[in-house]
Amino acid sequence: MKANTPRRLLQAIALVAVAATMSSCATKKRGNFSTSFDPPAKAVTNPSAVKVKLSTGAQRVYVMQGNEVLLATPCSVGTASTPTPHGTFRIYSKQANRRRQSSPGAGYPMSFWMEFKTAYGMHWGWVKPYPCTHGCVRLPIKSAQKIFSMVPQGAPLIIASSHPEDATIGKTLPVLDDSTLADPPMNYMLSQQVFDDAKKGKIYTY
């Protein structure tokens, strides 16, 4: 560009570049909603060897068959005041179409419920990049759908602050943030449609 290009023209070009960058960032941010996350999954060939690892520190869930990772996904866990319990559990109850029983929020969908301790379970829910639950484990809708179908009832669930997979496949997972995603209308959330959509791996129109 010539040195004598008018200053206003240079300023205009700079403004266009900034606007383009902001637009790109907005598009990228939109892609970080959990509703668009679809984890690749390998087929289960030996259900008796399937186990689940949950890292509360990294907020990651790993579906394992022996030492092989079949599926990895971000999740959200309990806060410091309402932590997700640590230890080795078994997923002893599964319910695809479950609703919250207690108030506040009674009736709110908890699709693909997988209970491992009384009142604690993995299920669909809005995911944030920081601990934000009352102790349950929230999963992206497609992750919850796939894990529910892959993991048999009775499978072990090992919950710890970290797992070796955090340093490998866990690092490759995106940061998901639903904190700015508006809730669907309550008449939808309380309807049968929310469960019909969950079976398709989606929530509302996202």
N, C-alpha and C. Protein backbone atom coordinates (compact mmCIF):
# COMPACT_ATOMS: atom_id res chain seq x y z
N MET A 1 0.86 -1.20 0.00
CA MET A 1 0.00 0.00 0.00
C MET A 1 0.89 1.24 0.00
N LYS A 2 0.52 2.28 -0.76
CA LYS A 2 1.34 3.48 -0.88
C LYS A 2 1.37 4.24 0.43
N ALA A 3 2.50 4.89 0.69
CA ALA A 3 2.70 5.62 1.94
C ALA A 3 1.74 6.78 2.08
N ASN A 4 1.26 7.35 0.94
CA ASN A 4 0.40 8.52 1.01
C ASN A 4 -1.09 8.16 1.04
N THR A 5 -1.42 6.89 1.31
CA THR A 5 -2.82 6.52 1.42
C THR A 5 -3.47 7.33 2.53
N PRO A 6 -4.64 7.94 2.28
CA PRO A 6 -5.28 8.78 3.29
C PRO A 6 -5.47 8.03 4.61
N ARG A 7 -5.26 8.76 5.73
CA ARG A 7 -5.37 8.16 7.06
C ARG A 7 -6.76 7.60 7.29
N ARG A 8 -7.79 8.27 6.82
CA ARG A 8 -9.15 7.79 7.05
C ARG A 8 -9.39 6.44 6.38
N LEU A 9 -8.80 6.27 5.20
CA LEU A 9 -8.94 5.00 4.51
C LEU A 9 -8.29 3.88 5.32
N LEU A 10 -7.11 4.17 5.88
CA LEU A 10 -6.42 3.17 6.70
C LEU A 10 -7.25 2.83 7.93
N GLN A 11 -7.87 3.85 8.54
CA GLN A 11 -8.71 3.62 9.70
C GLN A 11 -9.92 2.77 9.35
N ALA A 12 -10.48 3.02 8.18
CA ALA A 12 -11.65 2.25 7.73
C ALA A 12 -11.28 0.79 7.52
N ILE A 13 -10.10 0.57 6.93
CA ILE A 13 -9.64 -0.81 6.69
C ILE A 13 -9.43 -1.52 8.03
N ALA A 14 -8.88 -0.80 8.99
CA ALA A 14 -8.64 -1.39 10.32
C ALA A 14 -9.95 -1.76 10.99
N LEU A 15 -10.95 -0.88 10.86
CA LEU A 15 -12.26 -1.16 11.45
C LEU A 15 -12.90 -2.39 10.82
N VAL A 16 -12.76 -2.54 9.51
CA VAL A 16 -13.31 -3.71 8.82
C VAL A 16 -12.63 -4.98 9.33
N ALA A 17 -11.31 -4.91 9.52
CA ALA A 17 -10.57 -6.08 10.01
C ALA A 17 -11.01 -6.47 11.41
N VAL A 18 -11.21 -5.45 12.28
CA VAL A 18 -11.68 -5.72 13.65
C VAL A 18 -13.05 -6.35 13.63
N ALA A 19 -13.94 -5.82 12.78
CA ALA A 19 -15.30 -6.34 12.69
C ALA A 19 -15.29 -7.80 12.22
N ALA A 20 -14.42 -8.09 11.26
CA ALA A 20 -14.32 -9.47 10.75
C ALA A 20 -13.84 -10.40 11.84
N THR A 21 -12.85 -9.93 12.63
CA THR A 21 -12.33 -10.76 13.72
C THR A 21 -13.40 -11.02 14.76
N MET A 22 -14.17 -9.99 15.12
CA MET A 22 -15.24 -10.14 16.10
C MET A 22 -16.30 -11.09 15.59
N SER A 23 -16.62 -10.99 14.31
CA SER A 23 -17.61 -11.89 13.73
C SER A 23 -17.14 -13.33 13.79
N SER A 24 -15.85 -13.53 13.49
CA SER A 24 -15.26 -14.87 13.55
C SER A 24 -15.32 -15.43 14.95
N CYS A 25 -15.01 -14.59 15.95
CA CYS A 25 -15.04 -15.03 17.34
C CYS A 25 -16.45 -15.39 17.76
N ALA A 26 -17.42 -14.58 17.32
CA ALA A 26 -18.81 -14.87 17.68
C ALA A 26 -19.25 -16.20 17.11
N THR A 27 -18.83 -16.46 15.86
CA THR A 27 -19.18 -17.74 15.24
C THR A 27 -18.54 -18.89 16.00
N LYS A 28 -17.26 -18.70 16.38
CA LYS A 28 -16.56 -19.75 17.10
C LYS A 28 -17.21 -20.00 18.45
N LYS A 29 -17.58 -18.91 19.16
CA LYS A 29 -18.21 -19.05 20.45
C LYS A 29 -19.49 -19.83 20.34
N ARG A 30 -20.25 -19.59 19.30
CA ARG A 30 -21.52 -20.28 19.11
C ARG A 30 -21.28 -21.78 18.99
N GLY A 31 -20.16 -22.17 18.39
CA GLY A 31 -19.86 -23.58 18.22
C GLY A 31 -19.44 -24.26 19.51
N ASN A 32 -19.28 -23.48 20.59
CA ASN A 32 -18.87 -24.06 21.85
C ASN A 32 -20.04 -24.46 22.74
N PHE A 33 -21.26 -24.34 22.26
CA PHE A 33 -22.41 -24.83 23.01
C PHE A 33 -22.40 -26.35 23.00
N SER A 34 -22.82 -26.95 24.09
CA SER A 34 -22.81 -28.41 24.18
C SER A 34 -23.79 -29.05 23.21
N THR A 35 -24.79 -28.29 22.77
CA THR A 35 -25.78 -28.85 21.86
C THR A 35 -25.21 -29.20 20.50
N SER A 36 -24.04 -28.64 20.16
CA SER A 36 -23.42 -28.95 18.87
C SER A 36 -22.28 -29.96 19.00
N PHE A 37 -22.00 -30.40 20.22
CA PHE A 37 -20.90 -31.34 20.43
C PHE A 37 -21.37 -32.78 20.19
N ASP A 38 -20.66 -33.48 19.33
CA ASP A 38 -21.02 -34.86 18.99
C ASP A 38 -19.76 -35.73 19.09
N PRO A 39 -19.55 -36.39 20.22
CA PRO A 39 -18.31 -37.14 20.41
C PRO A 39 -18.25 -38.40 19.55
N PRO A 40 -17.11 -38.66 18.92
CA PRO A 40 -16.97 -39.94 18.22
C PRO A 40 -16.99 -41.08 19.23
N ALA A 41 -17.54 -42.20 18.84
CA ALA A 41 -17.64 -43.34 19.74
C ALA A 41 -17.30 -44.63 19.01
N LYS A 42 -16.47 -45.45 19.65
CA LYS A 42 -16.15 -46.76 19.12
C LYS A 42 -17.19 -47.76 19.64
N ALA A 43 -17.41 -48.80 18.87
CA ALA A 43 -18.42 -49.80 19.24
C ALA A 43 -17.96 -50.62 20.44
N VAL A 44 -18.92 -50.94 21.30
CA VAL A 44 -18.66 -51.85 22.42
C VAL A 44 -18.65 -53.28 21.88
N THR A 45 -17.59 -54.02 22.15
CA THR A 45 -17.50 -55.41 21.71
C THR A 45 -17.54 -56.39 22.88
N ASN A 46 -17.29 -55.86 24.09
CA ASN A 46 -17.31 -56.69 25.29
C ASN A 46 -17.95 -55.91 26.43
N PRO A 47 -19.29 -55.95 26.54
CA PRO A 47 -19.98 -55.15 27.56
C PRO A 47 -19.48 -55.39 28.98
N SER A 48 -19.03 -56.59 29.27
CA SER A 48 -18.58 -56.90 30.63
C SER A 48 -17.28 -56.18 30.98
N ALA A 49 -16.56 -55.68 29.97
CA ALA A 49 -15.30 -54.97 30.20
C ALA A 49 -15.48 -53.46 30.19
N VAL A 50 -16.70 -52.99 30.06
CA VAL A 50 -16.96 -51.54 29.98
C VAL A 50 -16.97 -50.93 31.39
N LYS A 51 -16.31 -49.80 31.52
CA LYS A 51 -16.34 -49.03 32.75
C LYS A 51 -16.30 -47.55 32.38
N VAL A 52 -16.63 -46.71 33.32
CA VAL A 52 -16.63 -45.27 33.09
C VAL A 52 -15.69 -44.61 34.09
N LYS A 53 -14.89 -43.69 33.60
CA LYS A 53 -14.03 -42.88 34.46
C LYS A 53 -14.52 -41.43 34.41
N LEU A 54 -14.59 -40.81 35.57
CA LEU A 54 -14.99 -39.41 35.66
C LEU A 54 -13.91 -38.63 36.39
N SER A 55 -13.38 -37.60 35.73
CA SER A 55 -12.38 -36.72 36.33
C SER A 55 -13.06 -35.42 36.74
N THR A 56 -13.18 -35.20 38.04
CA THR A 56 -13.85 -33.98 38.50
C THR A 56 -12.96 -32.76 38.28
N GLY A 57 -11.64 -32.93 38.35
CA GLY A 57 -10.74 -31.81 38.16
C GLY A 57 -10.74 -31.29 36.73
N ALA A 58 -10.73 -32.21 35.78
CA ALA A 58 -10.72 -31.83 34.37
C ALA A 58 -12.12 -31.71 33.79
N GLN A 59 -13.13 -32.15 34.54
CA GLN A 59 -14.51 -32.22 34.06
C GLN A 59 -14.56 -32.99 32.73
N ARG A 60 -14.18 -34.25 32.82
CA ARG A 60 -14.16 -35.15 31.67
C ARG A 60 -14.74 -36.50 32.05
N VAL A 61 -15.46 -37.10 31.12
CA VAL A 61 -15.96 -38.47 31.28
C VAL A 61 -15.37 -39.32 30.17
N TYR A 62 -14.88 -40.51 30.56
CA TYR A 62 -14.30 -41.45 29.61
C TYR A 62 -15.02 -42.78 29.71
N VAL A 63 -15.56 -43.25 28.61
CA VAL A 63 -16.12 -44.59 28.55
C VAL A 63 -15.00 -45.51 28.08
N MET A 64 -14.70 -46.51 28.90
CA MET A 64 -13.56 -47.38 28.64
C MET A 64 -14.02 -48.81 28.37
N GLN A 65 -13.28 -49.51 27.55
CA GLN A 65 -13.42 -50.96 27.43
C GLN A 65 -12.01 -51.51 27.69
N GLY A 66 -11.81 -52.03 28.88
CA GLY A 66 -10.45 -52.36 29.29
C GLY A 66 -9.66 -51.08 29.42
N ASN A 67 -8.55 -50.96 28.69
CA ASN A 67 -7.72 -49.76 28.72
C ASN A 67 -7.95 -48.84 27.51
N GLU A 68 -8.94 -49.19 26.69
CA GLU A 68 -9.22 -48.42 25.48
C GLU A 68 -10.33 -47.41 25.73
N VAL A 69 -10.11 -46.18 25.31
CA VAL A 69 -11.15 -45.15 25.41
C VAL A 69 -12.10 -45.29 24.23
N LEU A 70 -13.36 -45.55 24.52
CA LEU A 70 -14.37 -45.65 23.46
C LEU A 70 -15.03 -44.31 23.17
N LEU A 71 -15.16 -43.49 24.19
CA LEU A 71 -15.80 -42.17 24.06
C LEU A 71 -15.25 -41.26 25.14
N ALA A 72 -15.02 -40.01 24.79
CA ALA A 72 -14.57 -39.01 25.75
C ALA A 72 -15.40 -37.75 25.57
N THR A 73 -15.78 -37.13 26.66
CA THR A 73 -16.64 -35.95 26.57
C THR A 73 -16.41 -35.00 27.74
N PRO A 74 -16.56 -33.70 27.49
CA PRO A 74 -16.62 -32.75 28.60
C PRO A 74 -17.89 -32.99 29.40
N CYS A 75 -17.90 -32.52 30.64
CA CYS A 75 -19.07 -32.62 31.49
C CYS A 75 -19.02 -31.48 32.50
N SER A 76 -20.04 -31.40 33.34
CA SER A 76 -20.03 -30.47 34.46
C SER A 76 -20.28 -31.26 35.74
N VAL A 77 -19.55 -30.91 36.80
CA VAL A 77 -19.66 -31.63 38.07
C VAL A 77 -20.09 -30.67 39.18
N GLY A 78 -20.17 -31.21 40.40
CA GLY A 78 -20.65 -30.44 41.53
C GLY A 78 -19.69 -29.36 41.99
N THR A 79 -20.25 -28.36 42.63
CA THR A 79 -19.46 -27.26 43.17
C THR A 79 -18.73 -27.70 44.44
N ALA A 80 -17.91 -26.83 44.98
CA ALA A 80 -17.18 -27.15 46.21
C ALA A 80 -18.13 -27.39 47.38
N SER A 81 -19.24 -26.69 47.41
CA SER A 81 -20.20 -26.85 48.51
C SER A 81 -21.17 -28.02 48.28
N THR A 82 -21.32 -28.43 47.02
CA THR A 82 -22.18 -29.58 46.71
C THR A 82 -21.42 -30.49 45.74
N PRO A 83 -20.35 -31.13 46.20
CA PRO A 83 -19.45 -31.85 45.30
C PRO A 83 -20.02 -33.16 44.77
N THR A 84 -19.51 -33.55 43.64
CA THR A 84 -19.76 -34.90 43.12
C THR A 84 -18.91 -35.86 43.95
N PRO A 85 -19.53 -36.91 44.49
CA PRO A 85 -18.76 -37.81 45.37
C PRO A 85 -17.66 -38.56 44.62
N HIS A 86 -16.54 -38.78 45.31
CA HIS A 86 -15.43 -39.55 44.76
C HIS A 86 -15.52 -40.99 45.25
N GLY A 87 -14.98 -41.89 44.44
CA GLY A 87 -14.97 -43.29 44.82
C GLY A 87 -15.31 -44.17 43.64
N THR A 88 -15.47 -45.45 43.90
CA THR A 88 -15.86 -46.41 42.87
C THR A 88 -17.29 -46.83 43.12
N PHE A 89 -18.13 -46.63 42.12
CA PHE A 89 -19.56 -46.91 42.22
C PHE A 89 -19.96 -47.84 41.07
N ARG A 90 -21.22 -48.18 41.04
CA ARG A 90 -21.79 -48.89 39.89
C ARG A 90 -23.04 -48.15 39.42
N ILE A 91 -23.21 -48.12 38.13
CA ILE A 91 -24.42 -47.50 37.58
C ILE A 91 -25.55 -48.53 37.74
N TYR A 92 -26.32 -48.36 38.80
CA TYR A 92 -27.29 -49.40 39.17
C TYR A 92 -28.70 -49.12 38.65
N SER A 93 -28.91 -47.93 38.09
CA SER A 93 -30.24 -47.60 37.58
C SER A 93 -30.12 -46.71 36.36
N LYS A 94 -30.87 -47.03 35.32
CA LYS A 94 -30.88 -46.22 34.10
C LYS A 94 -32.33 -45.91 33.72
N GLN A 95 -32.57 -44.66 33.38
CA GLN A 95 -33.92 -44.23 33.00
C GLN A 95 -33.79 -43.16 31.92
N ALA A 96 -34.19 -43.47 30.71
CA ALA A 96 -34.02 -42.52 29.59
C ALA A 96 -34.86 -41.28 29.78
N ASN A 97 -36.09 -41.43 30.25
CA ASN A 97 -37.02 -40.30 30.37
C ASN A 97 -37.30 -40.00 31.84
N ARG A 98 -36.40 -39.30 32.45
CA ARG A 98 -36.55 -38.98 33.88
C ARG A 98 -36.72 -37.48 34.06
N ARG A 99 -37.47 -37.11 35.09
CA ARG A 99 -37.65 -35.70 35.44
C ARG A 99 -37.21 -35.47 36.89
N ARG A 100 -36.81 -34.26 37.14
CA ARG A 100 -36.42 -33.89 38.50
C ARG A 100 -37.62 -34.07 39.43
N GLN A 101 -37.38 -34.69 40.56
CA GLN A 101 -38.47 -34.98 41.50
C GLN A 101 -38.66 -33.89 42.55
N SER A 102 -37.58 -33.24 42.95
CA SER A 102 -37.66 -32.28 44.05
C SER A 102 -37.77 -30.85 43.53
N SER A 103 -38.16 -29.97 44.43
CA SER A 103 -38.25 -28.54 44.12
C SER A 103 -37.07 -27.81 44.74
N PRO A 104 -36.64 -26.69 44.14
CA PRO A 104 -37.21 -26.09 42.92
C PRO A 104 -36.81 -26.87 41.67
N GLY A 105 -37.57 -26.67 40.61
CA GLY A 105 -37.26 -27.31 39.34
C GLY A 105 -37.91 -28.65 39.13
N ALA A 106 -38.90 -28.98 39.95
CA ALA A 106 -39.59 -30.26 39.79
C ALA A 106 -40.17 -30.36 38.38
N GLY A 107 -39.97 -31.50 37.74
CA GLY A 107 -40.48 -31.71 36.40
C GLY A 107 -39.47 -31.44 35.30
N TYR A 108 -38.35 -30.80 35.66
CA TYR A 108 -37.33 -30.47 34.65
C TYR A 108 -36.72 -31.76 34.12
N PRO A 109 -36.52 -31.88 32.80
CA PRO A 109 -36.02 -33.13 32.24
C PRO A 109 -34.56 -33.41 32.61
N MET A 110 -34.30 -34.68 32.92
CA MET A 110 -32.94 -35.16 33.19
C MET A 110 -32.73 -36.40 32.33
N SER A 111 -32.80 -36.17 31.02
CA SER A 111 -32.77 -37.27 30.06
C SER A 111 -31.52 -38.13 30.20
N PHE A 112 -31.69 -39.42 29.95
CA PHE A 112 -30.60 -40.40 29.99
C PHE A 112 -29.97 -40.47 31.38
N TRP A 113 -30.83 -40.57 32.37
CA TRP A 113 -30.41 -40.66 33.77
C TRP A 113 -29.69 -41.98 34.02
N MET A 114 -28.48 -41.89 34.63
CA MET A 114 -27.70 -43.07 35.00
C MET A 114 -27.26 -42.89 36.45
N GLU A 115 -27.97 -43.53 37.36
CA GLU A 115 -27.76 -43.30 38.80
C GLU A 115 -26.66 -44.20 39.33
N PHE A 116 -25.75 -43.60 40.12
CA PHE A 116 -24.64 -44.35 40.71
C PHE A 116 -24.61 -44.26 42.22
N LYS A 117 -25.40 -43.35 42.79
CA LYS A 117 -25.55 -43.20 44.24
C LYS A 117 -26.90 -42.54 44.45
N THR A 118 -27.55 -42.83 45.55
CA THR A 118 -28.88 -42.29 45.77
C THR A 118 -28.94 -40.79 45.50
N ALA A 119 -29.77 -40.40 44.54
CA ALA A 119 -29.98 -39.00 44.14
C ALA A 119 -28.82 -38.41 43.35
N TYR A 120 -27.82 -39.22 42.98
CA TYR A 120 -26.71 -38.76 42.15
C TYR A 120 -26.70 -39.56 40.85
N GLY A 121 -26.56 -38.85 39.74
CA GLY A 121 -26.52 -39.54 38.47
C GLY A 121 -25.83 -38.72 37.39
N MET A 122 -25.50 -39.39 36.30
CA MET A 122 -25.08 -38.71 35.08
C MET A 122 -26.32 -38.54 34.23
N HIS A 123 -26.46 -37.40 33.57
CA HIS A 123 -27.65 -37.16 32.75
C HIS A 123 -27.40 -35.95 31.85
N TRP A 124 -28.33 -35.74 30.92
CA TRP A 124 -28.23 -34.54 30.09
C TRP A 124 -28.41 -33.29 30.95
N GLY A 125 -27.68 -32.24 30.60
CA GLY A 125 -27.85 -30.95 31.25
C GLY A 125 -26.94 -29.92 30.61
N TRP A 126 -27.17 -28.66 30.90
CA TRP A 126 -26.33 -27.60 30.36
C TRP A 126 -24.93 -27.72 30.94
N VAL A 127 -23.93 -27.64 30.07
CA VAL A 127 -22.54 -27.83 30.46
C VAL A 127 -21.82 -26.47 30.52
N LYS A 128 -21.02 -26.31 31.57
CA LYS A 128 -20.24 -25.08 31.72
C LYS A 128 -18.79 -25.47 32.03
N PRO A 129 -17.84 -24.59 31.75
CA PRO A 129 -16.42 -24.94 31.94
C PRO A 129 -15.96 -24.80 33.38
N TYR A 130 -16.86 -24.91 34.32
CA TYR A 130 -16.53 -24.84 35.75
C TYR A 130 -17.57 -25.65 36.52
N PRO A 131 -17.25 -26.14 37.71
CA PRO A 131 -18.22 -26.91 38.50
C PRO A 131 -19.46 -26.07 38.78
N CYS A 132 -20.63 -26.63 38.52
CA CYS A 132 -21.85 -25.82 38.63
C CYS A 132 -23.08 -26.61 39.06
N THR A 133 -22.93 -27.89 39.40
CA THR A 133 -24.11 -28.69 39.72
C THR A 133 -24.23 -28.90 41.23
N HIS A 134 -25.31 -29.58 41.61
CA HIS A 134 -25.52 -29.93 43.02
C HIS A 134 -24.93 -31.30 43.34
N GLY A 135 -24.09 -31.81 42.45
CA GLY A 135 -23.44 -33.08 42.68
C GLY A 135 -23.61 -34.07 41.54
N CYS A 136 -24.66 -33.87 40.75
CA CYS A 136 -24.85 -34.73 39.58
C CYS A 136 -23.83 -34.38 38.50
N VAL A 137 -23.80 -35.19 37.46
CA VAL A 137 -22.86 -34.99 36.36
C VAL A 137 -23.65 -34.66 35.10
N ARG A 138 -23.51 -33.45 34.62
CA ARG A 138 -24.22 -33.03 33.41
C ARG A 138 -23.41 -33.37 32.17
N LEU A 139 -24.11 -33.84 31.14
CA LEU A 139 -23.48 -34.24 29.89
C LEU A 139 -24.13 -33.54 28.71
N PRO A 140 -23.38 -33.26 27.64
CA PRO A 140 -24.00 -32.79 26.40
C PRO A 140 -25.04 -33.81 25.92
N ILE A 141 -26.04 -33.37 25.21
CA ILE A 141 -27.15 -34.24 24.85
C ILE A 141 -26.70 -35.45 24.03
N LYS A 142 -25.82 -35.26 23.05
CA LYS A 142 -25.38 -36.39 22.24
C LYS A 142 -24.45 -37.32 23.04
N SER A 143 -23.67 -36.74 23.93
CA SER A 143 -22.82 -37.56 24.80
C SER A 143 -23.68 -38.43 25.71
N ALA A 144 -24.70 -37.82 26.32
CA ALA A 144 -25.58 -38.57 27.22
C ALA A 144 -26.29 -39.69 26.47
N GLN A 145 -26.76 -39.39 25.28
CA GLN A 145 -27.46 -40.39 24.46
C GLN A 145 -26.54 -41.58 24.16
N LYS A 146 -25.32 -41.30 23.75
CA LYS A 146 -24.39 -42.37 23.38
C LYS A 146 -23.93 -43.17 24.61
N ILE A 147 -23.59 -42.47 25.69
CA ILE A 147 -23.14 -43.17 26.89
C ILE A 147 -24.25 -44.06 27.43
N PHE A 148 -25.47 -43.56 27.42
CA PHE A 148 -26.61 -44.35 27.91
C PHE A 148 -26.75 -45.66 27.14
N SER A 149 -26.52 -45.61 25.83
CA SER A 149 -26.66 -46.82 25.00
C SER A 149 -25.44 -47.73 25.11
N MET A 150 -24.27 -47.17 25.42
CA MET A 150 -23.04 -47.95 25.44
C MET A 150 -22.79 -48.65 26.78
N VAL A 151 -23.18 -48.00 27.86
CA VAL A 151 -22.79 -48.47 29.20
C VAL A 151 -23.91 -49.33 29.80
N PRO A 152 -23.63 -50.59 30.08
CA PRO A 152 -24.67 -51.45 30.65
C PRO A 152 -24.93 -51.14 32.12
N GLN A 153 -26.12 -51.43 32.57
CA GLN A 153 -26.43 -51.29 33.98
C GLN A 153 -25.51 -52.21 34.78
N GLY A 154 -24.96 -51.69 35.86
CA GLY A 154 -24.02 -52.46 36.67
C GLY A 154 -22.57 -52.15 36.37
N ALA A 155 -22.31 -51.36 35.32
CA ALA A 155 -20.93 -51.03 34.95
C ALA A 155 -20.28 -50.16 36.03
N PRO A 156 -18.98 -50.35 36.29
CA PRO A 156 -18.29 -49.53 37.29
C PRO A 156 -18.15 -48.08 36.83
N LEU A 157 -18.20 -47.19 37.80
CA LEU A 157 -17.94 -45.76 37.57
C LEU A 157 -16.89 -45.34 38.60
N ILE A 158 -15.73 -44.94 38.11
CA ILE A 158 -14.62 -44.54 38.99
C ILE A 158 -14.51 -43.01 38.94
N ILE A 159 -14.80 -42.37 40.06
CA ILE A 159 -14.78 -40.91 40.14
C ILE A 159 -13.58 -40.48 40.98
N ALA A 160 -12.72 -39.67 40.38
CA ALA A 160 -11.52 -39.17 41.07
C ALA A 160 -11.24 -37.75 40.59
N SER A 161 -10.33 -37.08 41.28
CA SER A 161 -10.00 -35.70 40.88
C SER A 161 -9.29 -35.66 39.54
N SER A 162 -8.61 -36.77 39.18
CA SER A 162 -7.94 -36.84 37.88
C SER A 162 -7.80 -38.28 37.45
N HIS A 163 -7.57 -38.47 36.14
CA HIS A 163 -7.30 -39.77 35.55
C HIS A 163 -6.19 -39.59 34.51
N PRO A 164 -5.44 -40.64 34.20
CA PRO A 164 -4.37 -40.51 33.20
C PRO A 164 -4.85 -39.97 31.85
N GLU A 165 -6.10 -40.28 31.50
CA GLU A 165 -6.64 -39.85 30.21
C GLU A 165 -6.78 -38.34 30.10
N ASP A 166 -6.75 -37.63 31.24
CA ASP A 166 -6.83 -36.17 31.21
C ASP A 166 -5.68 -35.57 30.41
N ALA A 167 -4.51 -36.22 30.50
CA ALA A 167 -3.30 -35.69 29.86
C ALA A 167 -3.20 -36.08 28.39
N THR A 168 -4.08 -36.96 27.94
CA THR A 168 -4.03 -37.40 26.54
C THR A 168 -5.29 -36.96 25.81
N ILE A 169 -6.26 -37.84 25.69
CA ILE A 169 -7.46 -37.49 24.93
C ILE A 169 -8.25 -36.37 25.60
N GLY A 170 -8.17 -36.29 26.91
CA GLY A 170 -8.89 -35.23 27.62
C GLY A 170 -8.48 -33.84 27.17
N LYS A 171 -7.20 -33.68 26.83
CA LYS A 171 -6.69 -32.37 26.40
C LYS A 171 -7.19 -31.97 25.02
N THR A 172 -7.64 -32.94 24.25
CA THR A 172 -8.08 -32.64 22.88
C THR A 172 -9.55 -32.20 22.82
N LEU A 173 -10.25 -32.34 23.92
CA LEU A 173 -11.68 -32.02 23.92
C LEU A 173 -11.90 -30.51 23.96
N PRO A 174 -12.97 -30.04 23.35
CA PRO A 174 -13.24 -28.60 23.35
C PRO A 174 -13.74 -28.11 24.70
N VAL A 175 -13.64 -26.82 24.91
CA VAL A 175 -14.24 -26.19 26.09
C VAL A 175 -15.67 -25.83 25.72
N LEU A 176 -16.62 -26.44 26.40
CA LEU A 176 -18.04 -26.18 26.13
C LEU A 176 -18.58 -25.20 27.17
N ASP A 177 -19.42 -24.29 26.73
CA ASP A 177 -19.96 -23.28 27.65
C ASP A 177 -21.37 -22.91 27.24
N ASP A 178 -22.33 -23.40 28.02
CA ASP A 178 -23.75 -23.09 27.76
C ASP A 178 -24.25 -21.94 28.62
N SER A 179 -23.36 -21.22 29.28
CA SER A 179 -23.79 -20.20 30.23
C SER A 179 -24.58 -19.07 29.58
N THR A 180 -24.41 -18.84 28.28
CA THR A 180 -25.17 -17.78 27.61
C THR A 180 -26.29 -18.34 26.74
N LEU A 181 -26.49 -19.65 26.81
CA LEU A 181 -27.53 -20.29 26.00
C LEU A 181 -28.86 -20.20 26.73
N ALA A 182 -29.85 -19.61 26.09
CA ALA A 182 -31.15 -19.44 26.73
C ALA A 182 -31.86 -20.78 26.90
N ASP A 183 -32.54 -20.93 28.01
CA ASP A 183 -33.35 -22.13 28.22
C ASP A 183 -34.49 -22.17 27.22
N PRO A 184 -34.83 -23.36 26.73
CA PRO A 184 -36.04 -23.48 25.91
C PRO A 184 -37.27 -23.12 26.73
N PRO A 185 -38.40 -22.83 26.09
CA PRO A 185 -39.62 -22.52 26.83
C PRO A 185 -39.99 -23.65 27.79
N MET A 186 -40.53 -23.30 28.95
CA MET A 186 -40.86 -24.31 29.95
C MET A 186 -41.94 -25.27 29.46
N ASN A 187 -42.85 -24.78 28.60
CA ASN A 187 -43.88 -25.70 28.10
C ASN A 187 -43.27 -26.79 27.24
N TYR A 188 -42.13 -26.49 26.62
CA TYR A 188 -41.40 -27.52 25.87
C TYR A 188 -40.69 -28.46 26.83
N MET A 189 -40.01 -27.90 27.84
CA MET A 189 -39.25 -28.72 28.77
C MET A 189 -40.14 -29.67 29.56
N LEU A 190 -41.40 -29.31 29.76
CA LEU A 190 -42.33 -30.16 30.51
C LEU A 190 -43.15 -31.08 29.61
N SER A 191 -42.88 -31.04 28.31
CA SER A 191 -43.66 -31.84 27.36
C SER A 191 -42.96 -33.15 27.04
N GLN A 192 -43.68 -34.03 26.36
CA GLN A 192 -43.09 -35.29 25.90
C GLN A 192 -42.08 -35.03 24.79
N GLN A 193 -42.23 -33.90 24.09
CA GLN A 193 -41.36 -33.61 22.95
C GLN A 193 -39.89 -33.56 23.36
N VAL A 194 -39.62 -33.12 24.58
CA VAL A 194 -38.23 -33.01 25.02
C VAL A 194 -37.57 -34.39 25.04
N PHE A 195 -38.33 -35.43 25.39
CA PHE A 195 -37.79 -36.79 25.40
C PHE A 195 -37.73 -37.37 23.99
N ASP A 196 -38.70 -37.01 23.16
CA ASP A 196 -38.66 -37.46 21.76
C ASP A 196 -37.43 -36.89 21.06
N ASP A 197 -37.12 -35.62 21.33
CA ASP A 197 -35.94 -34.99 20.74
C ASP A 197 -34.66 -35.61 21.29
N ALA A 198 -34.65 -35.93 22.59
CA ALA A 198 -33.45 -36.51 23.21
C ALA A 198 -33.08 -37.83 22.54
N LYS A 199 -34.08 -38.60 22.15
CA LYS A 199 -33.81 -39.87 21.46
C LYS A 199 -33.07 -39.64 20.14
N LYS A 200 -33.25 -38.45 19.57
CA LYS A 200 -32.58 -38.09 18.33
C LYS A 200 -31.25 -37.37 18.57
N GLY A 201 -30.91 -37.21 19.85
CA GLY A 201 -29.66 -36.55 20.19
C GLY A 201 -29.72 -35.04 20.07
N LYS A 202 -30.88 -34.46 20.34
CA LYS A 202 -30.98 -33.01 20.26
C LYS A 202 -31.87 -32.49 21.37
N ILE A 203 -31.81 -31.17 21.56
CA ILE A 203 -32.64 -30.51 22.55
C ILE A 203 -33.19 -29.24 21.93
N TYR A 204 -34.50 -29.12 21.89
CA TYR A 204 -35.18 -27.98 21.30
C TYR A 204 -34.76 -27.83 19.84
N THR A 205 -34.48 -26.62 19.40
CA THR A 205 -34.12 -26.39 18.00
C THR A 205 -32.65 -26.07 17.82
N TYR A 206 -31.84 -26.27 18.87
CA TYR A 206 -30.42 -25.91 18.81
C TYR A 206 -29.68 -26.89 17.91
